[in-house]
Structure formats: structure tokens, C-alpha cells
Amino acid sequence: MTEKHTTVKTAEAMEWSPMPDHVALYHREILSAADADEMGVRASSVLWEKIGVGGAVLPHYHNVAEIIHITVGKVRLLCNGEWKSYAAGDTFLVPAGVVHSVANDDTVPTEQISIFLPVEEQAPGNRFFETTKVPIPTERQLQGGK
């Protein structure tokens, strides 16, 4: 059995890459499909996205569900055929096949986390996760002492 380890991706190590076919849209991939496979979870991708002033994720749809959480700034969302204003802290749940768009509606770049999840017809039911507490090791224990 392979031993599991926590992986850290620092912001400095992730470069902003332009997203083709959109206006002033950049992303950093927080979780790739390969990362998800290694972790044993179902996810297509998790992106940290930045929309420049005047930029937009142009209208589109996916074959996956998307969760979009605005972390910085004000945006306009094309939601069910209407443009509406939202801000940092707001979250959009977009089913697969639904047309949507997010446009910067601020004087500074906006940022969001977009989570892309596969849609399965026969998916098992979901449930809230379980947590098991463990004792906190002392600094000395972490360094190999008793």
C-alpha cells in the first residue's frame, strides 16, 4: 500500500496562465484531474481564476457541474438568462449544460475559485464527511525526540 502525504502548492509556484477564448481571464490550477486521481476523488479540475478589469468568462456551458466562489471584488453573473450583480463571498452552483458567464464589474481584477465536478447518472448519494481528532505532537516529538 502506498503511503499518503499532504502536498502543498504555494501561490508563488503557480503561474497565472491566460485562458484562451475569454477576455482578460487567467487561471492557476489548484487541482488537476491527475491530482484528483492520486487522491482517489472525483473532480475534473479546481481553478483559481482572475478576471482583469473589463474582462469576462464569456457565455459557455460544460459537461460537468461547476461551483464558482467569488473571493475578490464585484462581478456580474449571467444567471438563468439574466445578468445580476454579486460580490466576494457569493457562490454560484452551475449544473452541467447550463449557460453561464462571469464578468468583472469592479475597478480592480476579481478572483474566484471554480470547482469542476463530473456528473454521473448513477452517482451514489453524498454525505457529510467524518473527522477523527488525533493528539497534537509536540515540537520535540516532531524533531524525533520523546
Protein backbone atom coordinates (compact mmCIF):
# COMPACT_ATOMS: atom_id res chain seq x y z
CA MET A 1 0.00 0.00 0.00
CA THR A 2 1.32 3.45 -0.93
CA GLU A 3 1.87 5.86 1.95
CA LYS A 4 -0.17 9.07 1.65
CA HIS A 5 1.35 12.53 2.11
CA THR A 6 -0.03 16.05 2.16
CA THR A 7 1.02 18.05 -0.91
CA VAL A 8 1.43 21.84 -0.81
CA LYS A 9 1.13 24.06 -3.89
CA THR A 10 2.27 27.56 -2.97
CA ALA A 11 0.83 30.57 -4.78
CA GLU A 12 4.35 31.62 -5.80
CA ALA A 13 4.89 28.27 -7.54
CA MET A 14 1.68 28.53 -9.57
CA GLU A 15 1.86 30.86 -12.56
CA TRP A 16 -1.14 32.74 -13.94
CA SER A 17 -1.94 31.27 -17.37
CA PRO A 18 -4.23 33.02 -19.86
CA MET A 19 -7.49 31.25 -20.69
CA PRO A 20 -7.96 31.29 -24.46
CA ASP A 21 -11.27 32.42 -25.96
CA HIS A 22 -12.13 34.68 -23.00
CA VAL A 23 -11.37 38.34 -22.20
CA ALA A 24 -8.61 39.09 -19.63
CA LEU A 25 -9.13 35.74 -17.88
CA TYR A 26 -6.23 33.96 -16.16
CA HIS A 27 -6.05 30.84 -14.03
CA ARG A 28 -3.88 28.82 -11.68
CA GLU A 29 -4.73 25.11 -11.48
CA ILE A 30 -5.13 24.22 -7.82
CA LEU A 31 -6.20 20.63 -8.53
CA SER A 32 -5.82 18.79 -11.83
CA ALA A 33 -7.71 15.66 -12.85
CA ALA A 34 -4.45 13.74 -12.28
CA ASP A 35 -4.15 15.19 -8.75
CA ALA A 36 -7.75 14.11 -8.06
CA ASP A 37 -6.97 10.59 -9.33
CA GLU A 38 -3.97 10.38 -6.97
CA MET A 39 -6.20 11.43 -4.06
CA GLY A 40 -8.93 8.95 -5.02
CA VAL A 41 -11.62 11.61 -5.54
CA ARG A 42 -13.82 12.53 -8.49
CA ALA A 43 -13.01 16.03 -9.79
CA SER A 44 -12.21 17.40 -13.22
CA SER A 45 -10.32 20.47 -12.03
CA VAL A 46 -10.19 23.22 -9.41
CA LEU A 47 -9.06 26.60 -10.72
CA TRP A 48 -8.09 29.86 -9.05
CA GLU A 49 -9.24 32.39 -11.65
CA LYS A 50 -8.56 36.10 -12.06
CA ILE A 51 -10.62 38.36 -14.33
CA GLY A 52 -8.95 41.62 -15.31
CA VAL A 53 -10.78 44.96 -15.37
CA GLY A 54 -13.18 44.85 -18.33
CA GLY A 55 -12.64 41.10 -18.65
CA ALA A 56 -15.08 38.21 -18.63
CA VAL A 57 -15.54 34.49 -18.77
CA LEU A 58 -17.67 34.57 -21.93
CA PRO A 59 -21.02 32.72 -22.07
CA HIS A 60 -20.49 28.95 -22.22
CA TYR A 61 -21.54 25.62 -20.68
CA HIS A 62 -19.77 22.43 -19.62
CA ASN A 63 -20.36 18.69 -19.48
CA VAL A 64 -19.50 18.97 -15.75
CA ALA A 65 -21.09 20.81 -12.82
CA GLU A 66 -19.28 23.94 -11.63
CA ILE A 67 -19.13 25.65 -8.26
CA ILE A 68 -17.85 29.25 -8.51
CA HIS A 69 -16.92 31.08 -5.30
CA ILE A 70 -16.05 34.79 -5.66
CA THR A 71 -13.11 35.65 -3.39
CA VAL A 72 -12.18 39.19 -4.52
CA GLY A 73 -14.23 42.04 -5.99
CA LYS A 74 -17.61 42.56 -7.64
CA VAL A 75 -18.86 40.59 -10.64
CA ARG A 76 -21.89 40.26 -12.88
CA LEU A 77 -23.21 36.75 -13.43
CA LEU A 78 -25.26 35.58 -16.38
CA CYS A 79 -27.68 33.50 -14.31
CA ASN A 80 -30.72 31.81 -15.86
CA GLY A 81 -30.70 34.26 -18.79
CA GLU A 82 -30.32 37.44 -16.68
CA TRP A 83 -27.28 39.48 -15.62
CA LYS A 84 -27.15 40.05 -11.85
CA SER A 85 -24.54 41.66 -9.56
CA TYR A 86 -22.65 39.75 -6.86
CA ALA A 87 -19.55 40.22 -4.70
CA ALA A 88 -16.80 38.44 -2.78
CA GLY A 89 -18.27 35.73 -0.58
CA ASP A 90 -21.04 34.78 -3.02
CA THR A 91 -21.14 31.27 -4.53
CA PHE A 92 -22.75 30.03 -7.75
CA LEU A 93 -23.84 26.40 -8.26
CA VAL A 94 -24.00 25.76 -12.02
CA PRO A 95 -25.38 22.39 -13.21
CA ALA A 96 -23.84 20.72 -16.27
CA GLY A 97 -25.27 22.05 -19.54
CA VAL A 98 -26.38 25.44 -18.14
CA VAL A 99 -25.13 28.56 -19.95
CA HIS A 100 -23.33 30.98 -17.64
CA SER A 101 -20.82 33.83 -17.71
CA VAL A 102 -18.95 35.89 -15.11
CA ALA A 103 -17.81 39.45 -15.89
CA ASN A 104 -15.61 41.76 -13.84
CA ASP A 105 -17.81 44.59 -12.51
CA ASP A 106 -15.09 46.29 -10.47
CA THR A 107 -12.22 48.77 -10.83
CA VAL A 108 -9.66 46.08 -9.89
CA PRO A 109 -9.19 42.45 -11.01
CA THR A 110 -11.65 40.00 -9.48
CA GLU A 111 -10.79 36.50 -8.30
CA GLN A 112 -12.76 33.30 -7.88
CA ILE A 113 -12.30 29.63 -7.16
CA SER A 114 -14.01 27.39 -9.74
CA ILE A 115 -14.55 23.71 -8.93
CA PHE A 116 -15.42 21.40 -11.83
CA LEU A 117 -17.11 18.13 -10.83
CA PRO A 118 -18.07 15.18 -13.06
CA VAL A 119 -21.77 14.47 -13.39
CA GLU A 120 -22.76 10.81 -13.20
CA GLU A 121 -26.25 9.47 -13.84
CA GLN A 122 -25.87 6.64 -11.33
CA ALA A 123 -23.77 8.53 -8.77
CA PRO A 124 -24.08 7.26 -5.20
CA GLY A 125 -25.69 9.58 -2.67
CA ASN A 126 -23.46 12.14 -0.97
CA ARG A 127 -22.98 12.58 2.75
CA PHE A 128 -21.17 14.98 5.04
CA PHE A 129 -17.60 13.94 5.81
CA GLU A 130 -16.33 12.41 9.03
CA THR A 131 -13.45 13.86 11.09
CA THR A 132 -11.28 11.99 13.57
CA LYS A 133 -9.24 14.02 16.06
CA VAL A 134 -5.68 12.94 16.89
CA PRO A 135 -3.24 14.14 19.56
CA ILE A 136 -1.10 17.10 18.54
CA PRO A 137 2.60 16.14 18.52
CA THR A 138 4.94 18.42 20.46
CA GLU A 139 7.73 20.24 18.65
CA ARG A 140 10.19 17.86 20.30
CA GLN A 141 8.29 14.80 19.00
CA LEU A 142 8.25 16.31 15.51
CA GLN A 143 12.05 16.58 15.68
CA GLY A 144 12.42 12.92 16.67
CA GLY A 145 12.69 13.28 20.47
CA LYS A 146 10.38 11.82 23.11
